[in-house]
Amino acid sequence: MKTIFLVSLLVSFASCQPKQEYDLIIRNATIYNGSGEKPFLGDVAIQADTIAEIATIINAKGKKEIEAKGLALAPGFINMLSWADGSLLKDGRSMSDIKQGVTLEVFGEGWSPWSAN
């Protein structure tokens, strides 16, 4: 009887623990982790500027939550041989690349306005 009481007491304490809170949780996204493995459905939690957790289900709450069902989530892509210098001169926001997930442009292969002469 004493054992049952202790177990129920522990379960009660465990359920009273406050849920972890993150700045942002993206839920139910198709996650491409960049490793080449098959994507999976899951959640991503972000705290400040850091990915804090990636899991099929994150049992926490977010200050902000985004429902991403039917959407893909991936790390930023690197364009190692960018020829976007012309479009960047016209519109420095780089929207054509950003909307495709490119977060880093590498210039200077051969000649570009940014390469040293």
PDB file of N, CA and C in Angstrom:
ATOM      1  N   MET A   1       0.821  -1.184   0.000  1.00  0.00           N
ATOM      2  CA  MET A   1       0.000   0.000   0.000  1.00  0.00           C
ATOM      3  C   MET A   1       0.869   1.254   0.000  1.00  0.00           C
ATOM      4  N   LYS A   2       1.936   1.193   0.786  1.00  0.00           N
ATOM      5  CA  LYS A   2       2.859   2.328   0.878  1.00  0.00           C
ATOM      6  C   LYS A   2       3.499   2.598  -0.490  1.00  0.00           C
ATOM      7  N   THR A   3       3.834   1.553  -1.239  1.00  0.00           N
ATOM      8  CA  THR A   3       4.438   1.685  -2.567  1.00  0.00           C
ATOM      9  C   THR A   3       3.465   2.356  -3.539  1.00  0.00           C
ATOM     10  N   ILE A   4       2.213   1.954  -3.497  1.00  0.00           N
ATOM     11  CA  ILE A   4       1.207   2.544  -4.383  1.00  0.00           C
ATOM     12  C   ILE A   4       1.053   4.035  -4.082  1.00  0.00           C
ATOM     13  N   PHE A   5       1.065   4.379  -2.803  1.00  0.00           N
ATOM     14  CA  PHE A   5       0.961   5.783  -2.415  1.00  0.00           C
ATOM     15  C   PHE A   5       2.144   6.591  -2.946  1.00  0.00           C
ATOM     16  N   LEU A   6       3.365   6.056  -2.795  1.00  0.00           N
ATOM     17  CA  LEU A   6       4.561   6.763  -3.258  1.00  0.00           C
ATOM     18  C   LEU A   6       4.555   6.934  -4.775  1.00  0.00           C
ATOM     19  N   VAL A   7       4.141   5.887  -5.490  1.00  0.00           N
ATOM     20  CA  VAL A   7       4.079   5.976  -6.951  1.00  0.00           C
ATOM     21  C   VAL A   7       3.058   7.018  -7.377  1.00  0.00           C
ATOM     22  N   SER A   8       1.888   7.019  -6.764  1.00  0.00           N
ATOM     23  CA  SER A   8       0.862   8.003  -7.131  1.00  0.00           C
ATOM     24  C   SER A   8       1.305   9.413  -6.770  1.00  0.00           C
ATOM     25  N   LEU A   9       2.048   9.561  -5.689  1.00  0.00           N
ATOM     26  CA  LEU A   9       2.577  10.857  -5.298  1.00  0.00           C
ATOM     27  C   LEU A   9       3.594  11.356  -6.330  1.00  0.00           C
ATOM     28  N   LEU A  10       4.468  10.489  -6.794  1.00  0.00           N
ATOM     29  CA  LEU A  10       5.449  10.854  -7.819  1.00  0.00           C
ATOM     30  C   LEU A  10       4.771  11.240  -9.133  1.00  0.00           C
ATOM     31  N   VAL A  11       3.744  10.472  -9.515  1.00  0.00           N
ATOM     32  CA  VAL A  11       3.005  10.786 -10.742  1.00  0.00           C
ATOM     33  C   VAL A  11       2.335  12.147 -10.613  1.00  0.00           C
ATOM     34  N   SER A  12       1.795  12.444  -9.436  1.00  0.00           N
ATOM     35  CA  SER A  12       1.151  13.739  -9.204  1.00  0.00           C
ATOM     36  C   SER A  12       2.156  14.872  -9.342  1.00  0.00           C
ATOM     37  N   PHE A  13       3.333  14.711  -8.747  1.00  0.00           N
ATOM     38  CA  PHE A  13       4.366  15.744  -8.851  1.00  0.00           C
ATOM     39  C   PHE A  13       4.835  15.928 -10.288  1.00  0.00           C
ATOM     40  N   ALA A  14       4.996  14.834 -10.997  1.00  0.00           N
ATOM     41  CA  ALA A  14       5.462  14.908 -12.388  1.00  0.00           C
ATOM     42  C   ALA A  14       4.451  15.639 -13.259  1.00  0.00           C
ATOM     43  N   SER A  15       3.174  15.428 -13.019  1.00  0.00           N
ATOM     44  CA  SER A  15       2.159  16.081 -13.839  1.00  0.00           C
ATOM     45  C   SER A  15       1.990  17.553 -13.476  1.00  0.00           C
ATOM     46  N   CYS A  16       2.493  17.980 -12.343  1.00  0.00           N
ATOM     47  CA  CYS A  16       2.398  19.378 -11.917  1.00  0.00           C
ATOM     48  C   CYS A  16       3.519  20.236 -12.478  1.00  0.00           C
ATOM     49  N   GLN A  17       4.508  19.599 -13.059  1.00  0.00           N
ATOM     50  CA  GLN A  17       5.622  20.356 -13.614  1.00  0.00           C
ATOM     51  C   GLN A  17       5.127  21.254 -14.743  1.00  0.00           C
ATOM     52  N   PRO A  18       5.542  22.534 -14.760  1.00  0.00           N
ATOM     53  CA  PRO A  18       5.113  23.403 -15.858  1.00  0.00           C
ATOM     54  C   PRO A  18       5.749  22.953 -17.169  1.00  0.00           C
ATOM     55  N   LYS A  19       4.995  23.134 -18.259  1.00  0.00           N
ATOM     56  CA  LYS A  19       5.526  22.770 -19.569  1.00  0.00           C
ATOM     57  C   LYS A  19       6.651  23.721 -19.945  1.00  0.00           C
ATOM     58  N   GLN A  20       7.627  23.180 -20.658  1.00  0.00           N
ATOM     59  CA  GLN A  20       8.690  24.003 -21.228  1.00  0.00           C
ATOM     60  C   GLN A  20       8.057  25.040 -22.141  1.00  0.00           C
ATOM     61  N   GLU A  21       8.558  26.259 -22.139  1.00  0.00           N
ATOM     62  CA  GLU A  21       8.043  27.288 -23.037  1.00  0.00           C
ATOM     63  C   GLU A  21       9.176  27.768 -23.934  1.00  0.00           C
ATOM     64  N   TYR A  22       8.900  27.820 -25.228  1.00  0.00           N
ATOM     65  CA  TYR A  22       9.859  28.307 -26.214  1.00  0.00           C
ATOM     66  C   TYR A  22       9.333  29.608 -26.820  1.00  0.00           C
ATOM     67  N   ASP A  23      10.204  30.355 -27.452  1.00  0.00           N
ATOM     68  CA  ASP A  23       9.786  31.579 -28.132  1.00  0.00           C
ATOM     69  C   ASP A  23       8.865  31.264 -29.301  1.00  0.00           C
ATOM     70  N   LEU A  24       9.202  30.198 -30.043  1.00  0.00           N
ATOM     71  CA  LEU A  24       8.435  29.838 -31.236  1.00  0.00           C
ATOM     72  C   LEU A  24       8.424  28.325 -31.396  1.00  0.00           C
ATOM     73  N   ILE A  25       7.268  27.783 -31.749  1.00  0.00           N
ATOM     74  CA  ILE A  25       7.184  26.370 -32.130  1.00  0.00           C
ATOM     75  C   ILE A  25       6.470  26.304 -33.477  1.00  0.00           C
ATOM     76  N   ILE A  26       7.110  25.645 -34.419  1.00  0.00           N
ATOM     77  CA  ILE A  26       6.514  25.380 -35.727  1.00  0.00           C
ATOM     78  C   ILE A  26       6.018  23.939 -35.671  1.00  0.00           C
ATOM     79  N   ARG A  27       4.730  23.755 -35.858  1.00  0.00           N
ATOM     80  CA  ARG A  27       4.119  22.448 -35.652  1.00  0.00           C
ATOM     81  C   ARG A  27       3.678  21.798 -36.962  1.00  0.00           C
ATOM     82  N   ASN A  28       3.804  20.462 -36.996  1.00  0.00           N
ATOM     83  CA  ASN A  28       3.270  19.617 -38.072  1.00  0.00           C
ATOM     84  C   ASN A  28       3.861  19.910 -39.449  1.00  0.00           C
ATOM     85  N   ALA A  29       5.098  20.332 -39.500  1.00  0.00           N
ATOM     86  CA  ALA A  29       5.761  20.607 -40.774  1.00  0.00           C
ATOM     87  C   ALA A  29       6.369  19.324 -41.336  1.00  0.00           C
ATOM     88  N   THR A  30       6.547  19.291 -42.647  1.00  0.00           N
ATOM     89  CA  THR A  30       7.343  18.244 -43.269  1.00  0.00           C
ATOM     90  C   THR A  30       8.783  18.726 -43.176  1.00  0.00           C
ATOM     91  N   ILE A  31       9.593  18.075 -42.347  1.00  0.00           N
ATOM     92  CA  ILE A  31      10.936  18.556 -42.025  1.00  0.00           C
ATOM     93  C   ILE A  31      11.979  17.854 -42.883  1.00  0.00           C
ATOM     94  N   TYR A  32      12.736  18.654 -43.603  1.00  0.00           N
ATOM     95  CA  TYR A  32      13.909  18.197 -44.357  1.00  0.00           C
ATOM     96  C   TYR A  32      15.101  18.681 -43.551  1.00  0.00           C
ATOM     97  N   ASN A  33      15.858  17.770 -42.961  1.00  0.00           N
ATOM     98  CA  ASN A  33      16.920  18.203 -42.048  1.00  0.00           C
ATOM     99  C   ASN A  33      18.251  18.484 -42.726  1.00  0.00           C
ATOM    100  N   GLY A  34      18.342  18.317 -44.029  1.00  0.00           N
ATOM    101  CA  GLY A  34      19.581  18.642 -44.728  1.00  0.00           C
ATOM    102  C   GLY A  34      20.568  17.496 -44.816  1.00  0.00           C
ATOM    103  N   SER A  35      20.233  16.341 -44.241  1.00  0.00           N
ATOM    104  CA  SER A  35      21.164  15.208 -44.243  1.00  0.00           C
ATOM    105  C   SER A  35      20.993  14.313 -45.468  1.00  0.00           C
ATOM    106  N   GLY A  36      19.930  14.526 -46.230  1.00  0.00           N
ATOM    107  CA  GLY A  36      19.635  13.659 -47.357  1.00  0.00           C
ATOM    108  C   GLY A  36      18.682  12.538 -47.001  1.00  0.00           C
ATOM    109  N   GLU A  37      18.373  12.388 -45.712  1.00  0.00           N
ATOM    110  CA  GLU A  37      17.409  11.371 -45.287  1.00  0.00           C
ATOM    111  C   GLU A  37      16.004  11.794 -45.688  1.00  0.00           C
ATOM    112  N   LYS A  38      15.071  10.849 -45.639  1.00  0.00           N
ATOM    113  CA  LYS A  38      13.679  11.147 -45.972  1.00  0.00           C
ATOM    114  C   LYS A  38      13.130  12.181 -44.992  1.00  0.00           C
ATOM    115  N   PRO A  39      12.267  13.074 -45.478  1.00  0.00           N
ATOM    116  CA  PRO A  39      11.648  14.043 -44.567  1.00  0.00           C
ATOM    117  C   PRO A  39      10.680  13.334 -43.619  1.00  0.00           C
ATOM    118  N   PHE A  40      10.344  14.008 -42.522  1.00  0.00           N
ATOM    119  CA  PHE A  40       9.393  13.461 -41.560  1.00  0.00           C
ATOM    120  C   PHE A  40       8.491  14.576 -41.059  1.00  0.00           C
ATOM    121  N   LEU A  41       7.311  14.208 -40.582  1.00  0.00           N
ATOM    122  CA  LEU A  41       6.388  15.181 -40.000  1.00  0.00           C
ATOM    123  C   LEU A  41       6.812  15.437 -38.567  1.00  0.00           C
ATOM    124  N   GLY A  42       6.870  16.716 -38.191  1.00  0.00           N
ATOM    125  CA  GLY A  42       7.268  17.010 -36.824  1.00  0.00           C
ATOM    126  C   GLY A  42       7.183  18.473 -36.477  1.00  0.00           C
ATOM    127  N   ASP A  43       7.728  18.782 -35.302  1.00  0.00           N
ATOM    128  CA  ASP A  43       7.721  20.126 -34.744  1.00  0.00           C
ATOM    129  C   ASP A  43       9.152  20.613 -34.565  1.00  0.00           C
ATOM    130  N   VAL A  44       9.324  21.928 -34.621  1.00  0.00           N
ATOM    131  CA  VAL A  44      10.619  22.555 -34.359  1.00  0.00           C
ATOM    132  C   VAL A  44      10.399  23.672 -33.353  1.00  0.00           C
ATOM    133  N   ALA A  45      11.188  23.655 -32.273  1.00  0.00           N
ATOM    134  CA  ALA A  45      11.106  24.700 -31.250  1.00  0.00           C
ATOM    135  C   ALA A  45      12.328  25.601 -31.361  1.00  0.00           C
ATOM    136  N   ILE A  46      12.080  26.899 -31.246  1.00  0.00           N
ATOM    137  CA  ILE A  46      13.151  27.886 -31.342  1.00  0.00           C
ATOM    138  C   ILE A  46      13.148  28.728 -30.073  1.00  0.00           C
ATOM    139  N   GLN A  47      14.331  28.901 -29.503  1.00  0.00           N
ATOM    140  CA  GLN A  47      14.523  29.749 -28.331  1.00  0.00           C
ATOM    141  C   GLN A  47      15.559  30.799 -28.689  1.00  0.00           C
ATOM    142  N   ALA A  48      15.169  32.060 -28.670  1.00  0.00           N
ATOM    143  CA  ALA A  48      16.015  33.176 -29.110  1.00  0.00           C
ATOM    144  C   ALA A  48      16.404  32.928 -30.561  1.00  0.00           C
ATOM    145  N   ASP A  49      17.687  32.759 -30.849  1.00  0.00           N
ATOM    146  CA  ASP A  49      18.122  32.529 -32.234  1.00  0.00           C
ATOM    147  C   ASP A  49      18.654  31.113 -32.436  1.00  0.00           C
ATOM    148  N   THR A  50      18.193  30.187 -31.603  1.00  0.00           N
ATOM    149  CA  THR A  50      18.706  28.818 -31.625  1.00  0.00           C
ATOM    150  C   THR A  50      17.574  27.808 -31.794  1.00  0.00           C
ATOM    151  N   ILE A  51      17.801  26.819 -32.652  1.00  0.00           N
ATOM    152  CA  ILE A  51      16.877  25.696 -32.734  1.00  0.00           C
ATOM    153  C   ILE A  51      17.097  24.870 -31.475  1.00  0.00           C
ATOM    154  N   ALA A  52      16.079  24.824 -30.621  1.00  0.00           N
ATOM    155  CA  ALA A  52      16.221  24.186 -29.317  1.00  0.00           C
ATOM    156  C   ALA A  52      15.811  22.717 -29.319  1.00  0.00           C
ATOM    157  N   GLU A  53      14.855  22.364 -30.195  1.00  0.00           N
ATOM    158  CA  GLU A  53      14.377  20.982 -30.205  1.00  0.00           C
ATOM    159  C   GLU A  53      13.715  20.687 -31.543  1.00  0.00           C
ATOM    160  N   ILE A  54      13.936  19.471 -32.032  1.00  0.00           N
ATOM    161  CA  ILE A  54      13.262  18.954 -33.220  1.00  0.00           C
ATOM    162  C   ILE A  54      12.752  17.572 -32.847  1.00  0.00           C
ATOM    163  N   ALA A  55      11.458  17.359 -33.028  1.00  0.00           N
ATOM    164  CA  ALA A  55      10.869  16.065 -32.661  1.00  0.00           C
ATOM    165  C   ALA A  55       9.569  15.856 -33.419  1.00  0.00           C
ATOM    166  N   THR A  56       9.089  14.616 -33.425  1.00  0.00           N
ATOM    167  CA  THR A  56       7.809  14.368 -34.085  1.00  0.00           C
ATOM    168  C   THR A  56       6.687  15.098 -33.359  1.00  0.00           C
ATOM    169  N   ILE A  57       6.746  15.162 -32.040  1.00  0.00           N
ATOM    170  CA  ILE A  57       5.800  15.947 -31.241  1.00  0.00           C
ATOM    171  C   ILE A  57       6.586  16.597 -30.107  1.00  0.00           C
ATOM    172  N   ILE A  58       6.487  17.909 -29.982  1.00  0.00           N
ATOM    173  CA  ILE A  58       7.132  18.624 -28.883  1.00  0.00           C
ATOM    174  C   ILE A  58       6.051  18.945 -27.856  1.00  0.00           C
ATOM    175  N   ASN A  59       6.219  18.375 -26.665  1.00  0.00           N
ATOM    176  CA  ASN A  59       5.251  18.578 -25.593  1.00  0.00           C
ATOM    177  C   ASN A  59       5.647  19.827 -24.810  1.00  0.00           C
ATOM    178  N   ALA A  60       5.424  20.968 -25.409  1.00  0.00           N
ATOM    179  CA  ALA A  60       5.739  22.257 -24.804  1.00  0.00           C
ATOM    180  C   ALA A  60       4.817  23.273 -25.428  1.00  0.00           C
ATOM    181  N   LYS A  61       4.902  24.491 -24.961  1.00  0.00           N
ATOM    182  CA  LYS A  61       4.115  25.540 -25.595  1.00  0.00           C
ATOM    183  C   LYS A  61       5.046  26.625 -26.083  1.00  0.00           C
ATOM    184  N   GLY A  62       4.604  27.358 -27.083  1.00  0.00           N
ATOM    185  CA  GLY A  62       5.394  28.443 -27.621  1.00  0.00           C
ATOM    186  C   GLY A  62       4.712  29.773 -27.371  1.00  0.00           C
ATOM    187  N   LYS A  63       5.517  30.805 -27.155  1.00  0.00           N
ATOM    188  CA  LYS A  63       4.948  32.145 -27.048  1.00  0.00           C
ATOM    189  C   LYS A  63       4.209  32.468 -28.343  1.00  0.00           C
ATOM    190  N   LYS A  64       4.779  31.961 -29.438  1.00  0.00           N
ATOM    191  CA  LYS A  64       4.126  32.047 -30.742  1.00  0.00           C
ATOM    192  C   LYS A  64       4.188  30.646 -31.334  1.00  0.00           C
ATOM    193  N   GLU A  65       3.096  30.206 -31.961  1.00  0.00           N
ATOM    194  CA  GLU A  65       3.074  28.897 -32.608  1.00  0.00           C
ATOM    195  C   GLU A  65       2.574  29.064 -34.036  1.00  0.00           C
ATOM    196  N   ILE A  66       3.213  28.342 -34.942  1.00  0.00           N
ATOM    197  CA  ILE A  66       2.850  28.375 -36.356  1.00  0.00           C
ATOM    198  C   ILE A  66       2.413  26.977 -36.767  1.00  0.00           C
ATOM    199  N   GLU A  67       1.222  26.869 -37.329  1.00  0.00           N
ATOM    200  CA  GLU A  67       0.737  25.597 -37.869  1.00  0.00           C
ATOM    201  C   GLU A  67       1.261  25.477 -39.292  1.00  0.00           C
ATOM    202  N   ALA A  68       2.067  24.459 -39.556  1.00  0.00           N
ATOM    203  CA  ALA A  68       2.726  24.309 -40.854  1.00  0.00           C
ATOM    204  C   ALA A  68       2.293  23.046 -41.590  1.00  0.00           C
ATOM    205  N   LYS A  69       1.117  22.531 -41.267  1.00  0.00           N
ATOM    206  CA  LYS A  69       0.643  21.318 -41.934  1.00  0.00           C
ATOM    207  C   LYS A  69       0.576  21.562 -43.443  1.00  0.00           C
ATOM    208  N   GLY A  70       1.171  20.651 -44.202  1.00  0.00           N
ATOM    209  CA  GLY A  70       1.197  20.773 -45.656  1.00  0.00           C
ATOM    210  C   GLY A  70       2.342  21.639 -46.178  1.00  0.00           C
ATOM    211  N   LEU A  71       3.186  22.166 -45.275  1.00  0.00           N
ATOM    212  CA  LEU A  71       4.314  23.007 -45.680  1.00  0.00           C
ATOM    213  C   LEU A  71       5.632  22.307 -45.365  1.00  0.00           C
ATOM    214  N   ALA A  72       6.676  22.671 -46.098  1.00  0.00           N
ATOM    215  CA  ALA A  72       8.004  22.095 -45.886  1.00  0.00           C
ATOM    216  C   ALA A  72       8.837  23.036 -45.027  1.00  0.00           C
ATOM    217  N   LEU A  73       9.705  22.461 -44.211  1.00  0.00           N
ATOM    218  CA  LEU A  73      10.615  23.217 -43.357  1.00  0.00           C
ATOM    219  C   LEU A  73      12.004  22.635 -43.547  1.00  0.00           C
ATOM    220  N   ALA A  74      12.964  23.499 -43.870  1.00  0.00           N
ATOM    221  CA  ALA A  74      14.324  23.028 -44.152  1.00  0.00           C
ATOM    222  C   ALA A  74      15.327  24.068 -43.672  1.00  0.00           C
ATOM    223  N   PRO A  75      16.580  23.664 -43.463  1.00  0.00           N
ATOM    224  CA  PRO A  75      17.611  24.657 -43.149  1.00  0.00           C
ATOM    225  C   PRO A  75      17.851  25.534 -44.368  1.00  0.00           C
ATOM    226  N   GLY A  76      18.456  26.678 -44.163  1.00  0.00           N
ATOM    227  CA  GLY A  76      18.755  27.568 -45.281  1.00  0.00           C
ATOM    228  C   GLY A  76      19.705  26.918 -46.269  1.00  0.00           C
ATOM    229  N   PHE A  77      19.522  27.216 -47.536  1.00  0.00           N
ATOM    230  CA  PHE A  77      20.372  26.665 -48.581  1.00  0.00           C
ATOM    231  C   PHE A  77      21.475  27.657 -48.938  1.00  0.00           C
ATOM    232  N   ILE A  78      22.619  27.142 -49.357  1.00  0.00           N
ATOM    233  CA  ILE A  78      23.758  27.963 -49.744  1.00  0.00           C
ATOM    234  C   ILE A  78      23.916  27.885 -51.249  1.00  0.00           C
ATOM    235  N   ASN A  79      23.926  29.035 -51.897  1.00  0.00           N
ATOM    236  CA  ASN A  79      24.186  29.099 -53.331  1.00  0.00           C
ATOM    237  C   ASN A  79      25.675  29.343 -53.489  1.00  0.00           C
ATOM    238  N   MET A  80      26.433  28.280 -53.785  1.00  0.00           N
ATOM    239  CA  MET A  80      27.901  28.351 -53.819  1.00  0.00           C
ATOM    240  C   MET A  80      28.464  29.052 -55.049  1.00  0.00           C
ATOM    241  N   LEU A  81      27.650  29.227 -56.069  1.00  0.00           N
ATOM    242  CA  LEU A  81      28.137  29.884 -57.282  1.00  0.00           C
ATOM    243  C   LEU A  81      27.028  30.789 -57.809  1.00  0.00           C
ATOM    244  N   SER A  82      26.796  31.840 -57.058  1.00  0.00           N
ATOM    245  CA  SER A  82      25.670  32.718 -57.367  1.00  0.00           C
ATOM    246  C   SER A  82      25.992  33.659 -58.513  1.00  0.00           C
ATOM    247  N   TRP A  83      25.031  33.786 -59.393  1.00  0.00           N
ATOM    248  CA  TRP A  83      25.095  34.772 -60.471  1.00  0.00           C
ATOM    249  C   TRP A  83      23.951  35.761 -60.309  1.00  0.00           C
ATOM    250  N   ALA A  84      23.542  35.984 -59.079  1.00  0.00           N
ATOM    251  CA  ALA A  84      22.428  36.882 -58.787  1.00  0.00           C
ATOM    252  C   ALA A  84      22.874  38.327 -58.629  1.00  0.00           C
ATOM    253  N   ASP A  85      24.118  38.635 -58.997  1.00  0.00           N
ATOM    254  CA  ASP A  85      24.610  39.995 -58.784  1.00  0.00           C
ATOM    255  C   ASP A  85      23.779  41.040 -59.540  1.00  0.00           C
ATOM    256  N   GLY A  86      23.332  40.716 -60.736  1.00  0.00           N
ATOM    257  CA  GLY A  86      22.509  41.663 -61.490  1.00  0.00           C
ATOM    258  C   GLY A  86      21.189  41.948 -60.804  1.00  0.00           C
ATOM    259  N   SER A  87      20.519  40.892 -60.349  1.00  0.00           N
ATOM    260  CA  SER A  87      19.232  41.109 -59.677  1.00  0.00           C
ATOM    261  C   SER A  87      19.418  41.788 -58.324  1.00  0.00           C
ATOM    262  N   LEU A  88      20.532  41.523 -57.630  1.00  0.00           N
ATOM    263  CA  LEU A  88      20.782  42.185 -56.351  1.00  0.00           C
ATOM    264  C   LEU A  88      21.055  43.678 -56.530  1.00  0.00           C
ATOM    265  N   LEU A  89      21.695  44.054 -57.634  1.00  0.00           N
ATOM    266  CA  LEU A  89      21.921  45.469 -57.887  1.00  0.00           C
ATOM    267  C   LEU A  89      20.603  46.200 -58.121  1.00  0.00           C
ATOM    268  N   LYS A  90      19.638  45.511 -58.734  1.00  0.00           N
ATOM    269  CA  LYS A  90      18.333  46.119 -59.001  1.00  0.00           C
ATOM    270  C   LYS A  90      17.451  46.111 -57.755  1.00  0.00           C
ATOM    271  N   ASP A  91      17.493  45.033 -57.002  1.00  0.00           N
ATOM    272  CA  ASP A  91      16.666  44.899 -55.805  1.00  0.00           C
ATOM    273  C   ASP A  91      17.481  44.152 -54.753  1.00  0.00           C
ATOM    274  N   GLY A  92      18.068  44.869 -53.821  1.00  0.00           N
ATOM    275  CA  GLY A  92      18.979  44.298 -52.826  1.00  0.00           C
ATOM    276  C   GLY A  92      18.333  43.398 -51.794  1.00  0.00           C
ATOM    277  N   ARG A  93      17.027  43.191 -51.878  1.00  0.00           N
ATOM    278  CA  ARG A  93      16.361  42.315 -50.904  1.00  0.00           C
ATOM    279  C   ARG A  93      16.553  40.841 -51.218  1.00  0.00           C
ATOM    280  N   SER A  94      16.979  40.513 -52.422  1.00  0.00           N
ATOM    281  CA  SER A  94      17.245  39.129 -52.836  1.00  0.00           C
ATOM    282  C   SER A  94      16.020  38.227 -52.707  1.00  0.00           C
ATOM    283  N   MET A  95      14.859  38.772 -52.998  1.00  0.00           N
ATOM    284  CA  MET A  95      13.617  38.025 -52.793  1.00  0.00           C
ATOM    285  C   MET A  95      13.534  36.750 -53.638  1.00  0.00           C
ATOM    286  N   SER A  96      14.091  36.778 -54.852  1.00  0.00           N
ATOM    287  CA  SER A  96      13.977  35.573 -55.688  1.00  0.00           C
ATOM    288  C   SER A  96      14.705  34.385 -55.064  1.00  0.00           C
ATOM    289  N   ASP A  97      15.828  34.628 -54.406  1.00  0.00           N
ATOM    290  CA  ASP A  97      16.556  33.536 -53.751  1.00  0.00           C
ATOM    291  C   ASP A  97      15.970  33.203 -52.382  1.00  0.00           C
ATOM    292  N   ILE A  98      15.619  34.215 -51.617  1.00  0.00           N
ATOM    293  CA  ILE A  98      15.080  33.972 -50.279  1.00  0.00           C
ATOM    294  C   ILE A  98      13.802  33.152 -50.349  1.00  0.00           C
ATOM    295  N   LYS A  99      12.948  33.436 -51.329  1.00  0.00           N
ATOM    296  CA  LYS A  99      11.694  32.689 -51.454  1.00  0.00           C
ATOM    297  C   LYS A  99      11.933  31.237 -51.865  1.00  0.00           C
ATOM    298  N   GLN A 100      13.142  30.916 -52.319  1.00  0.00           N
ATOM    299  CA  GLN A 100      13.499  29.530 -52.642  1.00  0.00           C
ATOM    300  C   GLN A 100      14.295  28.880 -51.514  1.00  0.00           C
ATOM    301  N   GLY A 101      14.507  29.604 -50.406  1.00  0.00           N
ATOM    302  CA  GLY A 101      15.199  29.052 -49.252  1.00  0.00           C
ATOM    303  C   GLY A 101      16.688  29.328 -49.207  1.00  0.00           C
ATOM    304  N   VAL A 102      17.217  30.121 -50.136  1.00  0.00           N
ATOM    305  CA  VAL A 102      18.651  30.445 -50.130  1.00  0.00           C
ATOM    306  C   VAL A 102      18.895  31.515 -49.070  1.00  0.00           C
ATOM    307  N   THR A 103      19.799  31.214 -48.132  1.00  0.00           N
ATOM    308  CA  THR A 103      20.108  32.178 -47.073  1.00  0.00           C
ATOM    309  C   THR A 103      21.547  32.674 -47.131  1.00  0.00           C
ATOM    310  N   LEU A 104      22.361  32.126 -48.051  1.00  0.00           N
ATOM    311  CA  LEU A 104      23.740  32.578 -48.222  1.00  0.00           C
ATOM    312  C   LEU A 104      24.098  32.539 -49.699  1.00  0.00           C
ATOM    313  N   GLU A 105      24.589  33.657 -50.210  1.00  0.00           N
ATOM    314  CA  GLU A 105      25.043  33.760 -51.602  1.00  0.00           C
ATOM    315  C   GLU A 105      26.560  33.893 -51.603  1.00  0.00           C
ATOM    316  N   VAL A 106      27.247  33.103 -52.408  1.00  0.00           N
ATOM    317  CA  VAL A 106      28.699  33.194 -52.538  1.00  0.00           C
ATOM    318  C   VAL A 106      29.004  33.757 -53.920  1.00  0.00           C
ATOM    319  N   PHE A 107      29.661  34.919 -53.939  1.00  0.00           N
ATOM    320  CA  PHE A 107      29.999  35.607 -55.193  1.00  0.00           C
ATOM    321  C   PHE A 107      31.501  35.591 -55.409  1.00  0.00           C
ATOM    322  N   GLY A 108      31.913  36.040 -56.589  1.00  0.00           N
ATOM    323  CA  GLY A 108      33.327  36.284 -56.838  1.00  0.00           C
ATOM    324  C   GLY A 108      34.019  35.234 -57.676  1.00  0.00           C
ATOM    325  N   GLU A 109      33.325  34.205 -58.137  1.00  0.00           N
ATOM    326  CA  GLU A 109      33.916  33.213 -59.027  1.00  0.00           C
ATOM    327  C   GLU A 109      34.038  33.853 -60.395  1.00  0.00           C
ATOM    328  N   GLY A 110      35.230  34.056 -60.852  1.00  0.00           N
ATOM    329  CA  GLY A 110      35.415  34.764 -62.121  1.00  0.00           C
ATOM    330  C   GLY A 110      35.312  36.258 -61.880  1.00  0.00           C
ATOM    331  N   TRP A 111      34.324  36.882 -62.494  1.00  0.00           N
ATOM    332  CA  TRP A 111      34.164  38.313 -62.324  1.00  0.00           C
ATOM    333  C   TRP A 111      32.741  38.629 -61.870  1.00  0.00           C
ATOM    334  N   SER A 112      32.630  39.501 -60.908  1.00  0.00           N
ATOM    335  CA  SER A 112      31.340  40.042 -60.486  1.00  0.00           C
ATOM    336  C   SER A 112      31.618  41.423 -59.907  1.00  0.00           C
ATOM    337  N   PRO A 113      30.603  42.239 -59.715  1.00  0.00           N
ATOM    338  CA  PRO A 113      30.828  43.565 -59.130  1.00  0.00           C
ATOM    339  C   PRO A 113      31.459  43.499 -57.754  1.00  0.00           C
ATOM    340  N   TRP A 114      31.405  42.334 -57.069  1.00  0.00           N
ATOM    341  CA  TRP A 114      31.964  42.221 -55.729  1.00  0.00           C
ATOM    342  C   TRP A 114      33.347  41.567 -55.708  1.00  0.00           C
ATOM    343  N   SER A 115      33.827  41.091 -56.839  1.00  0.00           N
ATOM    344  CA  SER A 115      35.142  40.439 -56.840  1.00  0.00           C
ATOM    345  C   SER A 115      36.244  41.480 -56.983  1.00  0.00           C
ATOM    346  N   ALA A 116      37.393  41.146 -56.449  1.00  0.00           N
ATOM    347  CA  ALA A 116      38.552  42.051 -56.536  1.00  0.00           C
ATOM    348  C   ALA A 116      39.141  41.958 -57.949  1.00  0.00           C
ATOM    349  N   ASN A 117      39.471  43.076 -58.504  1.00  0.00           N
ATOM    350  CA  ASN A 117      40.074  43.089 -59.865  1.00  0.00           C
ATOM    351  C   ASN A 117      41.577  43.132 -59.779  1.00  0.00           C
TER     352      ASN A 117
END
